[in-house]
């Protein structure tokens, strides 16, 4: 049996595009663009997308840069 530290998909929390947009303080269109460009991994559920919370956090962590 897999434990939570193994990254078992059943332990993942999935967010809607609207929730990701609110978390990142961007528009839903920006999130859709990130998904379609392959920058943000997502799962298609019917006609909508779901993004793992960890993937959204990882994207933000990797997007930091020093401006000065």
PDB file of N, CA and C in Angstrom:
ATOM      1  N   UNK A   1       0.836  -1.185   0.000  1.00  0.00           N
ATOM      2  CA  UNK A   1       0.000   0.000   0.000  1.00  0.00           C
ATOM      3  C   UNK A   1       0.881   1.248   0.000  1.00  0.00           C
ATOM      4  N   UNK A   2       0.569   2.201  -0.868  1.00  0.00           N
ATOM      5  CA  UNK A   2       1.372   3.410  -0.974  1.00  0.00           C
ATOM      6  C   UNK A   2       1.036   4.379   0.157  1.00  0.00           C
ATOM      7  N   UNK A   3       2.060   5.064   0.643  1.00  0.00           N
ATOM      8  CA  UNK A   3       1.800   6.080   1.663  1.00  0.00           C
ATOM      9  C   UNK A   3       1.789   7.459   1.028  1.00  0.00           C
ATOM     10  N   UNK A   4       1.399   8.472   1.790  1.00  0.00           N
ATOM     11  CA  UNK A   4       1.209   9.802   1.229  1.00  0.00           C
ATOM     12  C   UNK A   4       2.514  10.429   0.723  1.00  0.00           C
ATOM     13  N   UNK A   5       3.646  10.000   1.233  1.00  0.00           N
ATOM     14  CA  UNK A   5       4.910  10.581   0.789  1.00  0.00           C
ATOM     15  C   UNK A   5       5.351  10.048  -0.562  1.00  0.00           C
ATOM     16  N   UNK A   6       4.666   9.036  -1.091  1.00  0.00           N
ATOM     17  CA  UNK A   6       5.045   8.468  -2.382  1.00  0.00           C
ATOM     18  C   UNK A   6       4.429   9.231  -3.548  1.00  0.00           C
ATOM     19  N   UNK A   7       3.603  10.254  -3.252  1.00  0.00           N
ATOM     20  CA  UNK A   7       2.984  11.023  -4.316  1.00  0.00           C
ATOM     21  C   UNK A   7       1.812  10.303  -4.951  1.00  0.00           C
ATOM     22  N   UNK A   8       1.127   9.477  -4.200  1.00  0.00           N
ATOM     23  CA  UNK A   8      -0.036   8.750  -4.686  1.00  0.00           C
ATOM     24  C   UNK A   8      -1.085   9.744  -5.184  1.00  0.00           C
ATOM     25  N   UNK A   9      -1.572   9.533  -6.394  1.00  0.00           N
ATOM     26  CA  UNK A   9      -2.522  10.467  -7.001  1.00  0.00           C
ATOM     27  C   UNK A   9      -3.816  10.571  -6.204  1.00  0.00           C
ATOM     28  N   UNK A  10      -4.183   9.534  -5.475  1.00  0.00           N
ATOM     29  CA  UNK A  10      -5.417   9.579  -4.687  1.00  0.00           C
ATOM     30  C   UNK A  10      -5.314  10.564  -3.526  1.00  0.00           C
ATOM     31  N   UNK A  11      -4.099  10.948  -3.151  1.00  0.00           N
ATOM     32  CA  UNK A  11      -3.897  11.917  -2.075  1.00  0.00           C
ATOM     33  C   UNK A  11      -3.856  13.356  -2.595  1.00  0.00           C
ATOM     34  N   UNK A  12      -3.858  13.517  -3.919  1.00  0.00           N
ATOM     35  CA  UNK A  12      -3.724  14.845  -4.504  1.00  0.00           C
ATOM     36  C   UNK A  12      -4.998  15.650  -4.332  1.00  0.00           C
ATOM     37  N   UNK A  13      -4.827  16.951  -4.107  1.00  0.00           N
ATOM     38  CA  UNK A  13      -5.968  17.861  -4.062  1.00  0.00           C
ATOM     39  C   UNK A  13      -6.018  18.574  -5.401  1.00  0.00           C
ATOM     40  N   UNK A  14      -7.150  18.463  -6.071  1.00  0.00           N
ATOM     41  CA  UNK A  14      -7.300  19.092  -7.378  1.00  0.00           C
ATOM     42  C   UNK A  14      -8.072  20.396  -7.251  1.00  0.00           C
ATOM     43  N   UNK A  15      -7.613  21.391  -8.000  1.00  0.00           N
ATOM     44  CA  UNK A  15      -8.234  22.709  -7.996  1.00  0.00           C
ATOM     45  C   UNK A  15      -8.859  22.990  -9.359  1.00  0.00           C
ATOM     46  N   UNK A  16      -9.934  23.759  -9.368  1.00  0.00           N
ATOM     47  CA  UNK A  16     -10.518  24.196 -10.629  1.00  0.00           C
ATOM     48  C   UNK A  16      -9.660  25.313 -11.210  1.00  0.00           C
ATOM     49  N   UNK A  17      -9.894  25.623 -12.472  1.00  0.00           N
ATOM     50  CA  UNK A  17      -9.178  26.729 -13.109  1.00  0.00           C
ATOM     51  C   UNK A  17      -9.459  28.031 -12.358  1.00  0.00           C
ATOM     52  N   UNK A  18     -10.715  28.227 -11.932  1.00  0.00           N
ATOM     53  CA  UNK A  18     -11.062  29.443 -11.189  1.00  0.00           C
ATOM     54  C   UNK A  18     -10.299  29.525  -9.871  1.00  0.00           C
ATOM     55  N   UNK A  19     -10.154  28.390  -9.180  1.00  0.00           N
ATOM     56  CA  UNK A  19      -9.424  28.382  -7.906  1.00  0.00           C
ATOM     57  C   UNK A  19      -7.944  28.675  -8.121  1.00  0.00           C
ATOM     58  N   UNK A  20      -7.355  28.113  -9.183  1.00  0.00           N
ATOM     59  CA  UNK A  20      -5.946  28.377  -9.498  1.00  0.00           C
ATOM     60  C   UNK A  20      -5.769  29.856  -9.840  1.00  0.00           C
ATOM     61  N   UNK A  21      -6.693  30.402 -10.630  1.00  0.00           N
ATOM     62  CA  UNK A  21      -6.621  31.814 -11.013  1.00  0.00           C
ATOM     63  C   UNK A  21      -6.686  32.708  -9.779  1.00  0.00           C
ATOM     64  N   UNK A  22      -7.581  32.389  -8.844  1.00  0.00           N
ATOM     65  CA  UNK A  22      -7.701  33.183  -7.619  1.00  0.00           C
ATOM     66  C   UNK A  22      -6.430  33.072  -6.779  1.00  0.00           C
ATOM     67  N   UNK A  23      -5.873  31.869  -6.703  1.00  0.00           N
ATOM     68  CA  UNK A  23      -4.661  31.636  -5.916  1.00  0.00           C
ATOM     69  C   UNK A  23      -3.487  32.431  -6.484  1.00  0.00           C
ATOM     70  N   UNK A  24      -3.373  32.467  -7.829  1.00  0.00           N
ATOM     71  CA  UNK A  24      -2.265  33.152  -8.486  1.00  0.00           C
ATOM     72  C   UNK A  24      -2.546  34.628  -8.719  1.00  0.00           C
ATOM     73  N   UNK A  25      -3.793  35.064  -8.460  1.00  0.00           N
ATOM     74  CA  UNK A  25      -4.224  36.445  -8.702  1.00  0.00           C
ATOM     75  C   UNK A  25      -4.081  36.812 -10.186  1.00  0.00           C
ATOM     76  N   UNK A  26      -4.523  35.892 -11.052  1.00  0.00           N
ATOM     77  CA  UNK A  26      -4.535  36.133 -12.493  1.00  0.00           C
ATOM     78  C   UNK A  26      -5.920  35.765 -13.022  1.00  0.00           C
ATOM     79  N   UNK A  27      -6.161  36.012 -14.292  1.00  0.00           N
ATOM     80  CA  UNK A  27      -7.455  35.666 -14.879  1.00  0.00           C
ATOM     81  C   UNK A  27      -7.511  34.170 -15.207  1.00  0.00           C
ATOM     82  N   UNK A  28      -8.726  33.673 -15.367  1.00  0.00           N
ATOM     83  CA  UNK A  28      -8.885  32.273 -15.756  1.00  0.00           C
ATOM     84  C   UNK A  28      -8.250  32.030 -17.127  1.00  0.00           C
ATOM     85  N   UNK A  29      -8.321  33.042 -17.998  1.00  0.00           N
ATOM     86  CA  UNK A  29      -7.733  32.901 -19.334  1.00  0.00           C
ATOM     87  C   UNK A  29      -6.223  32.657 -19.245  1.00  0.00           C
ATOM     88  N   UNK A  30      -5.569  33.316 -18.302  1.00  0.00           N
ATOM     89  CA  UNK A  30      -4.131  33.114 -18.114  1.00  0.00           C
ATOM     90  C   UNK A  30      -3.846  31.669 -17.698  1.00  0.00           C
ATOM     91  N   UNK A  31      -4.679  31.113 -16.821  1.00  0.00           N
ATOM     92  CA  UNK A  31      -4.500  29.722 -16.389  1.00  0.00           C
ATOM     93  C   UNK A  31      -4.723  28.778 -17.566  1.00  0.00           C
ATOM     94  N   UNK A  32      -5.776  29.013 -18.354  1.00  0.00           N
ATOM     95  CA  UNK A  32      -6.019  28.181 -19.534  1.00  0.00           C
ATOM     96  C   UNK A  32      -4.824  28.240 -20.485  1.00  0.00           C
ATOM     97  N   UNK A  33      -4.243  29.429 -20.650  1.00  0.00           N
ATOM     98  CA  UNK A  33      -3.084  29.585 -21.528  1.00  0.00           C
ATOM     99  C   UNK A  33      -1.904  28.767 -21.001  1.00  0.00           C
ATOM    100  N   UNK A  34      -1.663  28.817 -19.689  1.00  0.00           N
ATOM    101  CA  UNK A  34      -0.574  28.035 -19.095  1.00  0.00           C
ATOM    102  C   UNK A  34      -0.794  26.534 -19.311  1.00  0.00           C
ATOM    103  N   UNK A  35      -2.052  26.095 -19.164  1.00  0.00           N
ATOM    104  CA  UNK A  35      -2.372  24.679 -19.355  1.00  0.00           C
ATOM    105  C   UNK A  35      -2.159  24.274 -20.805  1.00  0.00           C
ATOM    106  N   UNK A  36      -2.702  25.066 -21.730  1.00  0.00           N
ATOM    107  CA  UNK A  36      -2.604  24.715 -23.147  1.00  0.00           C
ATOM    108  C   UNK A  36      -1.173  24.794 -23.677  1.00  0.00           C
ATOM    109  N   UNK A  37      -0.354  25.672 -23.100  1.00  0.00           N
ATOM    110  CA  UNK A  37       1.059  25.763 -23.508  1.00  0.00           C
ATOM    111  C   UNK A  37       1.920  24.667 -22.889  1.00  0.00           C
ATOM    112  N   UNK A  38       1.353  23.913 -21.954  1.00  0.00           N
ATOM    113  CA  UNK A  38       2.113  22.853 -21.307  1.00  0.00           C
ATOM    114  C   UNK A  38       2.941  23.333 -20.130  1.00  0.00           C
ATOM    115  N   UNK A  39       2.775  24.594 -19.736  1.00  0.00           N
ATOM    116  CA  UNK A  39       3.539  25.136 -18.607  1.00  0.00           C
ATOM    117  C   UNK A  39       2.979  24.676 -17.268  1.00  0.00           C
ATOM    118  N   UNK A  40       1.691  24.347 -17.233  1.00  0.00           N
ATOM    119  CA  UNK A  40       1.027  23.939 -16.001  1.00  0.00           C
ATOM    120  C   UNK A  40       0.287  22.628 -16.267  1.00  0.00           C
ATOM    121  N   UNK A  41       0.729  21.524 -15.655  1.00  0.00           N
ATOM    122  CA  UNK A  41       0.069  20.234 -15.889  1.00  0.00           C
ATOM    123  C   UNK A  41      -1.378  20.261 -15.400  1.00  0.00           C
ATOM    124  N   UNK A  42      -2.261  19.633 -16.162  1.00  0.00           N
ATOM    125  CA  UNK A  42      -3.672  19.590 -15.785  1.00  0.00           C
ATOM    126  C   UNK A  42      -4.292  18.287 -16.268  1.00  0.00           C
ATOM    127  N   UNK A  43      -5.413  17.947 -15.646  1.00  0.00           N
ATOM    128  CA  UNK A  43      -6.182  16.762 -16.021  1.00  0.00           C
ATOM    129  C   UNK A  43      -7.501  17.247 -16.584  1.00  0.00           C
ATOM    130  N   UNK A  44      -7.899  16.682 -17.703  1.00  0.00           N
ATOM    131  CA  UNK A  44      -9.189  17.064 -18.284  1.00  0.00           C
ATOM    132  C   UNK A  44     -10.273  16.183 -17.686  1.00  0.00           C
ATOM    133  N   UNK A  45     -11.313  16.808 -17.151  1.00  0.00           N
ATOM    134  CA  UNK A  45     -12.452  16.092 -16.577  1.00  0.00           C
ATOM    135  C   UNK A  45     -13.681  16.586 -17.331  1.00  0.00           C
ATOM    136  N   UNK A  46     -14.170  15.775 -18.236  1.00  0.00           N
ATOM    137  CA  UNK A  46     -15.270  16.230 -19.081  1.00  0.00           C
ATOM    138  C   UNK A  46     -14.806  17.387 -19.934  1.00  0.00           C
ATOM    139  N   UNK A  47     -15.489  18.530 -19.799  1.00  0.00           N
ATOM    140  CA  UNK A  47     -15.103  19.708 -20.585  1.00  0.00           C
ATOM    141  C   UNK A  47     -14.273  20.704 -19.786  1.00  0.00           C
ATOM    142  N   UNK A  48     -13.916  20.343 -18.568  1.00  0.00           N
ATOM    143  CA  UNK A  48     -13.152  21.269 -17.726  1.00  0.00           C
ATOM    144  C   UNK A  48     -11.800  20.672 -17.352  1.00  0.00           C
ATOM    145  N   UNK A  49     -10.960  21.508 -16.784  1.00  0.00           N
ATOM    146  CA  UNK A  49      -9.633  21.086 -16.360  1.00  0.00           C
ATOM    147  C   UNK A  49      -9.527  21.136 -14.846  1.00  0.00           C
ATOM    148  N   UNK A  50      -8.684  20.266 -14.300  1.00  0.00           N
ATOM    149  CA  UNK A  50      -8.342  20.300 -12.884  1.00  0.00           C
ATOM    150  C   UNK A  50      -6.820  20.296 -12.789  1.00  0.00           C
ATOM    151  N   UNK A  51      -6.324  21.092 -11.861  1.00  0.00           N
ATOM    152  CA  UNK A  51      -4.882  21.227 -11.663  1.00  0.00           C
ATOM    153  C   UNK A  51      -4.563  20.773 -10.247  1.00  0.00           C
ATOM    154  N   UNK A  52      -3.536  19.923 -10.112  1.00  0.00           N
ATOM    155  CA  UNK A  52      -3.126  19.519  -8.761  1.00  0.00           C
ATOM    156  C   UNK A  52      -2.605  20.736  -8.022  1.00  0.00           C
ATOM    157  N   UNK A  53      -3.006  20.868  -6.772  1.00  0.00           N
ATOM    158  CA  UNK A  53      -2.560  21.998  -5.960  1.00  0.00           C
ATOM    159  C   UNK A  53      -1.026  22.055  -5.917  1.00  0.00           C
ATOM    160  N   UNK A  54      -0.399  20.904  -5.789  1.00  0.00           N
ATOM    161  CA  UNK A  54       1.070  20.856  -5.735  1.00  0.00           C
ATOM    162  C   UNK A  54       1.698  21.363  -7.038  1.00  0.00           C
ATOM    163  N   UNK A  55       1.077  21.047  -8.189  1.00  0.00           N
ATOM    164  CA  UNK A  55       1.598  21.540  -9.468  1.00  0.00           C
ATOM    165  C   UNK A  55       1.489  23.058  -9.564  1.00  0.00           C
ATOM    166  N   UNK A  56       0.386  23.608  -9.069  1.00  0.00           N
ATOM    167  CA  UNK A  56       0.214  25.068  -9.074  1.00  0.00           C
ATOM    168  C   UNK A  56       1.250  25.730  -8.166  1.00  0.00           C
ATOM    169  N   UNK A  57       1.466  25.148  -6.990  1.00  0.00           N
ATOM    170  CA  UNK A  57       2.474  25.691  -6.064  1.00  0.00           C
ATOM    171  C   UNK A  57       3.872  25.591  -6.660  1.00  0.00           C
ATOM    172  N   UNK A  58       4.160  24.480  -7.305  1.00  0.00           N
ATOM    173  CA  UNK A  58       5.473  24.277  -7.935  1.00  0.00           C
ATOM    174  C   UNK A  58       5.692  25.299  -9.056  1.00  0.00           C
ATOM    175  N   UNK A  59       4.656  25.549  -9.828  1.00  0.00           N
ATOM    176  CA  UNK A  59       4.773  26.545 -10.897  1.00  0.00           C
ATOM    177  C   UNK A  59       5.124  27.909 -10.314  1.00  0.00           C
ATOM    178  N   UNK A  60       4.445  28.283  -9.234  1.00  0.00           N
ATOM    179  CA  UNK A  60       4.734  29.563  -8.597  1.00  0.00           C
ATOM    180  C   UNK A  60       6.151  29.608  -8.035  1.00  0.00           C
ATOM    181  N   UNK A  61       6.572  28.521  -7.387  1.00  0.00           N
ATOM    182  CA  UNK A  61       7.938  28.474  -6.834  1.00  0.00           C
ATOM    183  C   UNK A  61       8.978  28.653  -7.933  1.00  0.00           C
ATOM    184  N   UNK A  62       8.753  28.023  -9.079  1.00  0.00           N
ATOM    185  CA  UNK A  62       9.714  28.091 -10.177  1.00  0.00           C
ATOM    186  C   UNK A  62       9.641  29.401 -10.954  1.00  0.00           C
ATOM    187  N   UNK A  63       8.633  30.221 -10.679  1.00  0.00           N
ATOM    188  CA  UNK A  63       8.438  31.466 -11.422  1.00  0.00           C
ATOM    189  C   UNK A  63       9.061  32.678 -10.754  1.00  0.00           C
ATOM    190  N   UNK A  64       9.580  32.492  -9.532  1.00  0.00           N
ATOM    191  CA  UNK A  64      10.205  33.617  -8.838  1.00  0.00           C
ATOM    192  C   UNK A  64      11.440  34.085  -9.577  1.00  0.00           C
ATOM    193  N   UNK A  65      11.663  35.391  -9.582  1.00  0.00           N
ATOM    194  CA  UNK A  65      12.904  35.933 -10.129  1.00  0.00           C
ATOM    195  C   UNK A  65      13.269  37.193  -9.364  1.00  0.00           C
ATOM    196  N   UNK A  66      14.520  37.521  -9.389  1.00  0.00           N
ATOM    197  CA  UNK A  66      15.003  38.729  -8.710  1.00  0.00           C
ATOM    198  C   UNK A  66      14.922  39.911  -9.677  1.00  0.00           C
ATOM    199  N   UNK A  67      14.216  40.932  -9.290  1.00  0.00           N
ATOM    200  CA  UNK A  67      14.058  42.102 -10.135  1.00  0.00           C
ATOM    201  C   UNK A  67      14.946  43.228  -9.619  1.00  0.00           C
ATOM    202  N   UNK A  68      16.226  43.001  -9.630  1.00  0.00           N
ATOM    203  CA  UNK A  68      17.082  44.086  -9.198  1.00  0.00           C
ATOM    204  C   UNK A  68      18.295  43.548  -8.594  1.00  0.00           C
TER     205      UNK A  68
END
